[in-house]
């Protein structure tokens, strides 16, 4: 059985403050004064794009959670995923990380 989780959203910033395991009745009982600040999130990512975590943003208009932007140069695609300015090279058995200062991918091993 999959756990049901809810993310508490800061109404001023739309950022996730915390995520708890709870059912809807628990949320309604214990957070009735600010129930609109609690949004269900999918552990498997089946809905609302990704599983919410602290400091993720909730996009109310599109009803999705969005991961924090990894680097200033990256842009968001139509599926709400962050994309690098250059495609990541596919090199088997190598660790490849984005270097924002050099604006390129680096092979570490």
N, C-alpha and C. Protein backbone atom coordinates (compact mmCIF):
# COMPACT_ATOMS: atom_id res chain seq x y z
N UNK A 1 0.84 -1.18 0.00
CA UNK A 1 0.00 0.00 0.00
C UNK A 1 0.88 1.25 0.00
N UNK A 2 0.56 2.19 -0.85
CA UNK A 2 1.32 3.43 -0.95
C UNK A 2 0.86 4.40 0.12
N UNK A 3 1.82 5.05 0.76
CA UNK A 3 1.48 6.05 1.78
C UNK A 3 0.89 7.28 1.13
N UNK A 4 -0.01 7.93 1.85
CA UNK A 4 -0.57 9.20 1.39
C UNK A 4 0.21 10.31 2.08
N UNK A 5 0.69 11.26 1.32
CA UNK A 5 1.50 12.34 1.86
C UNK A 5 0.91 13.69 1.46
N UNK A 6 1.10 14.65 2.34
CA UNK A 6 0.64 16.01 2.09
C UNK A 6 1.80 16.98 2.29
N UNK A 7 1.85 17.98 1.42
CA UNK A 7 2.86 19.03 1.53
C UNK A 7 2.19 20.28 2.07
N UNK A 8 2.85 20.90 3.06
CA UNK A 8 2.37 22.18 3.58
C UNK A 8 3.02 23.28 2.74
N UNK A 9 2.19 24.15 2.19
CA UNK A 9 2.64 25.21 1.31
C UNK A 9 2.62 26.55 2.05
N UNK A 10 3.69 27.32 1.93
CA UNK A 10 3.71 28.69 2.46
C UNK A 10 2.87 29.54 1.50
N UNK A 11 1.76 30.11 1.97
CA UNK A 11 0.87 30.84 1.07
C UNK A 11 1.49 32.10 0.46
N UNK A 12 2.53 32.63 1.07
CA UNK A 12 3.18 33.84 0.54
C UNK A 12 4.18 33.52 -0.57
N UNK A 13 4.89 32.39 -0.47
CA UNK A 13 5.95 32.06 -1.42
C UNK A 13 5.61 30.87 -2.32
N UNK A 14 4.58 30.11 -1.94
CA UNK A 14 4.22 28.86 -2.62
C UNK A 14 5.30 27.80 -2.52
N UNK A 15 6.20 27.94 -1.56
CA UNK A 15 7.24 26.94 -1.33
C UNK A 15 6.76 25.91 -0.32
N UNK A 16 7.20 24.66 -0.50
CA UNK A 16 6.86 23.59 0.42
C UNK A 16 7.64 23.79 1.71
N UNK A 17 6.90 23.82 2.83
CA UNK A 17 7.53 23.96 4.14
C UNK A 17 7.92 22.60 4.72
N UNK A 18 7.05 21.61 4.49
CA UNK A 18 7.30 20.26 4.99
C UNK A 18 6.34 19.30 4.31
N UNK A 19 6.65 18.02 4.39
CA UNK A 19 5.81 16.96 3.85
C UNK A 19 5.58 15.95 4.96
N UNK A 20 4.33 15.55 5.14
CA UNK A 20 4.00 14.58 6.18
C UNK A 20 3.20 13.42 5.59
N UNK A 21 3.27 12.28 6.26
CA UNK A 21 2.44 11.14 5.92
C UNK A 21 1.15 11.28 6.72
N UNK A 22 0.03 11.39 6.01
CA UNK A 22 -1.26 11.56 6.68
C UNK A 22 -2.37 11.30 5.68
N UNK A 23 -3.55 10.98 6.18
CA UNK A 23 -4.69 10.86 5.28
C UNK A 23 -5.50 12.16 5.33
N UNK A 24 -6.46 12.25 4.44
CA UNK A 24 -7.24 13.48 4.30
C UNK A 24 -7.99 13.83 5.60
N UNK A 25 -8.50 12.83 6.29
CA UNK A 25 -9.23 13.08 7.55
C UNK A 25 -8.33 13.72 8.59
N UNK A 26 -7.07 13.27 8.67
CA UNK A 26 -6.12 13.85 9.62
C UNK A 26 -5.87 15.32 9.29
N UNK A 27 -5.66 15.61 8.01
CA UNK A 27 -5.42 17.00 7.58
C UNK A 27 -6.63 17.86 7.91
N UNK A 28 -7.82 17.37 7.60
CA UNK A 28 -9.05 18.13 7.86
C UNK A 28 -9.25 18.38 9.36
N UNK A 29 -8.90 17.41 10.20
CA UNK A 29 -9.08 17.53 11.64
C UNK A 29 -8.05 18.47 12.28
N UNK A 30 -6.79 18.31 11.91
CA UNK A 30 -5.72 19.03 12.61
C UNK A 30 -5.30 20.34 11.96
N UNK A 31 -5.68 20.55 10.72
CA UNK A 31 -5.26 21.77 10.03
C UNK A 31 -6.44 22.48 9.38
N UNK A 32 -7.61 22.40 10.02
CA UNK A 32 -8.82 22.97 9.43
C UNK A 32 -8.73 24.48 9.23
N UNK A 33 -7.94 25.17 10.04
CA UNK A 33 -7.81 26.63 9.91
C UNK A 33 -6.99 27.05 8.69
N UNK A 34 -6.14 26.16 8.22
CA UNK A 34 -5.34 26.48 7.03
C UNK A 34 -5.29 25.30 6.06
N UNK A 35 -6.42 24.65 5.89
CA UNK A 35 -6.50 23.44 5.06
C UNK A 35 -6.08 23.69 3.62
N UNK A 36 -6.26 24.91 3.12
CA UNK A 36 -5.87 25.21 1.73
C UNK A 36 -4.36 25.20 1.54
N UNK A 37 -3.60 25.21 2.65
CA UNK A 37 -2.14 25.18 2.57
C UNK A 37 -1.59 23.76 2.48
N UNK A 38 -2.46 22.78 2.49
CA UNK A 38 -2.03 21.38 2.45
C UNK A 38 -2.46 20.76 1.13
N UNK A 39 -1.47 20.28 0.35
CA UNK A 39 -1.71 19.71 -0.97
C UNK A 39 -1.17 18.29 -0.99
N UNK A 40 -1.99 17.36 -1.44
CA UNK A 40 -1.53 15.97 -1.53
C UNK A 40 -0.43 15.86 -2.58
N UNK A 41 0.57 15.04 -2.28
CA UNK A 41 1.67 14.80 -3.20
C UNK A 41 1.83 13.30 -3.41
N UNK A 42 2.23 12.91 -4.59
CA UNK A 42 2.34 11.51 -4.95
C UNK A 42 3.77 11.01 -4.76
N UNK A 43 3.91 9.99 -3.93
CA UNK A 43 5.22 9.39 -3.69
C UNK A 43 5.81 8.86 -4.99
N UNK A 44 4.97 8.38 -5.88
CA UNK A 44 5.43 7.81 -7.14
C UNK A 44 5.49 8.83 -8.27
N UNK A 45 5.02 10.05 -8.04
CA UNK A 45 5.01 11.08 -9.08
C UNK A 45 3.90 10.90 -10.09
N UNK A 46 2.88 10.11 -9.75
CA UNK A 46 1.77 9.86 -10.68
C UNK A 46 0.92 11.10 -10.92
N UNK A 47 0.91 12.01 -9.97
CA UNK A 47 0.18 13.26 -10.15
C UNK A 47 0.97 14.39 -9.55
N UNK A 48 0.69 15.60 -10.00
CA UNK A 48 1.39 16.82 -9.59
C UNK A 48 2.89 16.77 -9.92
N UNK A 49 3.21 16.07 -10.98
CA UNK A 49 4.52 16.01 -11.61
C UNK A 49 5.58 15.26 -10.81
N UNK A 50 5.98 15.75 -9.65
CA UNK A 50 7.00 15.08 -8.84
C UNK A 50 6.55 15.04 -7.39
N UNK A 51 7.17 14.17 -6.63
CA UNK A 51 6.92 14.12 -5.18
C UNK A 51 7.48 15.39 -4.56
N UNK A 52 6.68 16.07 -3.79
CA UNK A 52 7.10 17.32 -3.16
C UNK A 52 8.15 17.08 -2.08
N UNK A 53 8.99 18.08 -1.90
CA UNK A 53 9.99 18.08 -0.84
C UNK A 53 10.16 19.52 -0.38
N UNK A 54 10.79 19.69 0.76
CA UNK A 54 11.01 21.03 1.30
C UNK A 54 11.69 21.92 0.25
N UNK A 55 11.18 23.14 0.12
CA UNK A 55 11.67 24.17 -0.80
C UNK A 55 11.31 23.93 -2.26
N UNK A 56 10.55 22.89 -2.56
CA UNK A 56 10.00 22.77 -3.91
C UNK A 56 8.89 23.82 -4.01
N UNK A 57 8.59 24.24 -5.22
CA UNK A 57 7.54 25.24 -5.43
C UNK A 57 6.26 24.55 -5.88
N UNK A 58 5.14 25.04 -5.37
CA UNK A 58 3.84 24.56 -5.84
C UNK A 58 3.30 25.58 -6.82
N UNK A 59 3.08 25.14 -8.06
CA UNK A 59 2.52 25.97 -9.11
C UNK A 59 1.02 25.70 -9.12
N UNK A 60 0.28 26.61 -8.52
CA UNK A 60 -1.16 26.43 -8.35
C UNK A 60 -1.89 26.39 -9.69
N UNK A 61 -1.49 27.25 -10.61
CA UNK A 61 -2.14 27.32 -11.92
C UNK A 61 -2.07 25.99 -12.66
N UNK A 62 -0.91 25.35 -12.63
CA UNK A 62 -0.72 24.08 -13.33
C UNK A 62 -0.87 22.86 -12.42
N UNK A 63 -1.08 23.09 -11.12
CA UNK A 63 -1.26 22.04 -10.13
C UNK A 63 -0.11 21.03 -10.15
N UNK A 64 1.12 21.57 -10.08
CA UNK A 64 2.31 20.72 -10.07
C UNK A 64 3.31 21.22 -9.03
N UNK A 65 4.14 20.30 -8.57
CA UNK A 65 5.28 20.66 -7.74
C UNK A 65 6.50 20.75 -8.65
N UNK A 66 7.34 21.73 -8.39
CA UNK A 66 8.52 21.97 -9.22
C UNK A 66 9.76 21.96 -8.34
N UNK A 67 10.75 21.19 -8.77
CA UNK A 67 12.02 21.13 -8.05
C UNK A 67 12.71 22.49 -8.09
N UNK A 68 13.54 22.80 -7.10
CA UNK A 68 14.32 24.05 -7.16
C UNK A 68 15.22 24.07 -8.40
N UNK A 69 15.42 25.23 -8.94
CA UNK A 69 16.26 25.39 -10.12
C UNK A 69 17.70 25.02 -9.76
N UNK A 70 18.31 24.05 -10.46
CA UNK A 70 19.64 23.59 -10.07
C UNK A 70 20.75 24.60 -10.36
N UNK A 71 20.64 25.34 -11.46
CA UNK A 71 21.67 26.31 -11.84
C UNK A 71 20.98 27.50 -12.53
N UNK A 72 21.54 28.70 -12.41
CA UNK A 72 20.93 29.88 -13.04
C UNK A 72 20.76 29.76 -14.56
N UNK A 73 21.62 29.03 -15.22
CA UNK A 73 21.55 28.94 -16.69
C UNK A 73 20.50 27.95 -17.20
N UNK A 74 19.95 27.13 -16.34
CA UNK A 74 19.00 26.11 -16.77
C UNK A 74 17.62 26.73 -16.96
N UNK A 75 16.83 26.16 -17.85
CA UNK A 75 15.48 26.65 -18.13
C UNK A 75 14.48 25.51 -17.96
N UNK A 76 13.24 25.88 -17.72
CA UNK A 76 12.19 24.89 -17.52
C UNK A 76 11.52 24.57 -18.85
N UNK A 77 11.29 23.28 -19.08
CA UNK A 77 10.60 22.88 -20.30
C UNK A 77 9.09 22.82 -20.07
N UNK A 78 8.36 22.41 -21.07
CA UNK A 78 6.89 22.38 -21.00
C UNK A 78 6.37 21.30 -20.04
N UNK A 79 7.25 20.37 -19.67
CA UNK A 79 6.87 19.30 -18.75
C UNK A 79 7.27 19.64 -17.31
N UNK A 80 7.73 20.87 -17.08
CA UNK A 80 8.13 21.37 -15.75
C UNK A 80 9.41 20.73 -15.23
N UNK A 81 10.28 20.32 -16.14
CA UNK A 81 11.60 19.79 -15.78
C UNK A 81 12.66 20.82 -16.16
N UNK A 82 13.70 20.94 -15.35
CA UNK A 82 14.80 21.86 -15.63
C UNK A 82 15.73 21.24 -16.66
N UNK A 83 16.11 22.03 -17.66
CA UNK A 83 16.98 21.55 -18.73
C UNK A 83 18.25 22.39 -18.79
N UNK A 84 19.39 21.71 -18.99
CA UNK A 84 20.66 22.43 -19.10
C UNK A 84 20.77 23.12 -20.46
N UNK A 85 21.64 24.12 -20.56
CA UNK A 85 21.82 24.80 -21.84
C UNK A 85 22.42 23.90 -22.93
N UNK A 86 23.15 22.87 -22.50
CA UNK A 86 23.76 21.90 -23.42
C UNK A 86 23.35 20.50 -22.96
N UNK A 87 23.02 19.62 -23.90
CA UNK A 87 22.65 18.25 -23.51
C UNK A 87 23.79 17.55 -22.77
N UNK A 88 23.41 16.75 -21.80
CA UNK A 88 24.40 15.98 -21.04
C UNK A 88 24.97 14.87 -21.93
N UNK A 89 26.29 14.78 -22.02
CA UNK A 89 26.88 13.70 -22.84
C UNK A 89 26.59 12.33 -22.23
N UNK A 90 26.48 11.36 -23.08
CA UNK A 90 26.22 9.99 -22.63
C UNK A 90 27.52 9.20 -22.72
N UNK A 91 28.17 9.09 -21.58
CA UNK A 91 29.44 8.36 -21.50
C UNK A 91 29.26 7.29 -20.44
N UNK A 92 29.35 6.06 -20.86
CA UNK A 92 29.11 4.92 -19.97
C UNK A 92 30.14 4.87 -18.83
N UNK A 93 29.65 4.60 -17.63
CA UNK A 93 30.47 4.39 -16.44
C UNK A 93 31.30 5.61 -16.04
N UNK A 94 30.81 6.79 -16.32
CA UNK A 94 31.51 8.02 -15.94
C UNK A 94 30.57 8.91 -15.14
N UNK A 95 31.14 9.65 -14.20
CA UNK A 95 30.38 10.65 -13.45
C UNK A 95 30.50 11.96 -14.22
N UNK A 96 29.36 12.53 -14.57
CA UNK A 96 29.34 13.76 -15.36
C UNK A 96 28.51 14.79 -14.61
N UNK A 97 29.12 15.94 -14.33
CA UNK A 97 28.44 17.01 -13.59
C UNK A 97 28.49 18.31 -14.38
N UNK A 98 27.47 19.13 -14.17
CA UNK A 98 27.40 20.44 -14.81
C UNK A 98 28.30 21.42 -14.07
N UNK A 99 29.12 22.17 -14.82
CA UNK A 99 29.97 23.22 -14.26
C UNK A 99 29.39 24.55 -14.72
N UNK A 100 28.75 25.25 -13.82
CA UNK A 100 28.08 26.51 -14.16
C UNK A 100 29.08 27.60 -14.55
N UNK A 101 30.24 27.62 -13.92
CA UNK A 101 31.24 28.65 -14.24
C UNK A 101 31.78 28.49 -15.65
N UNK A 102 32.00 27.24 -16.05
CA UNK A 102 32.53 26.98 -17.41
C UNK A 102 31.42 26.81 -18.44
N UNK A 103 30.20 26.70 -17.93
CA UNK A 103 29.03 26.55 -18.80
C UNK A 103 29.12 25.28 -19.66
N UNK A 104 29.57 24.20 -19.01
CA UNK A 104 29.72 22.93 -19.74
C UNK A 104 29.69 21.76 -18.78
N UNK A 105 29.55 20.57 -19.36
CA UNK A 105 29.59 19.33 -18.60
C UNK A 105 31.04 18.91 -18.38
N UNK A 106 31.32 18.33 -17.21
CA UNK A 106 32.66 17.85 -16.92
C UNK A 106 32.61 16.37 -16.54
N UNK A 107 33.54 15.61 -17.07
CA UNK A 107 33.68 14.21 -16.73
C UNK A 107 34.64 14.13 -15.55
N UNK A 108 34.19 13.53 -14.45
CA UNK A 108 35.00 13.52 -13.23
C UNK A 108 35.90 12.29 -13.10
N UNK A 109 35.57 11.21 -13.77
CA UNK A 109 36.41 10.00 -13.62
C UNK A 109 36.67 9.34 -14.96
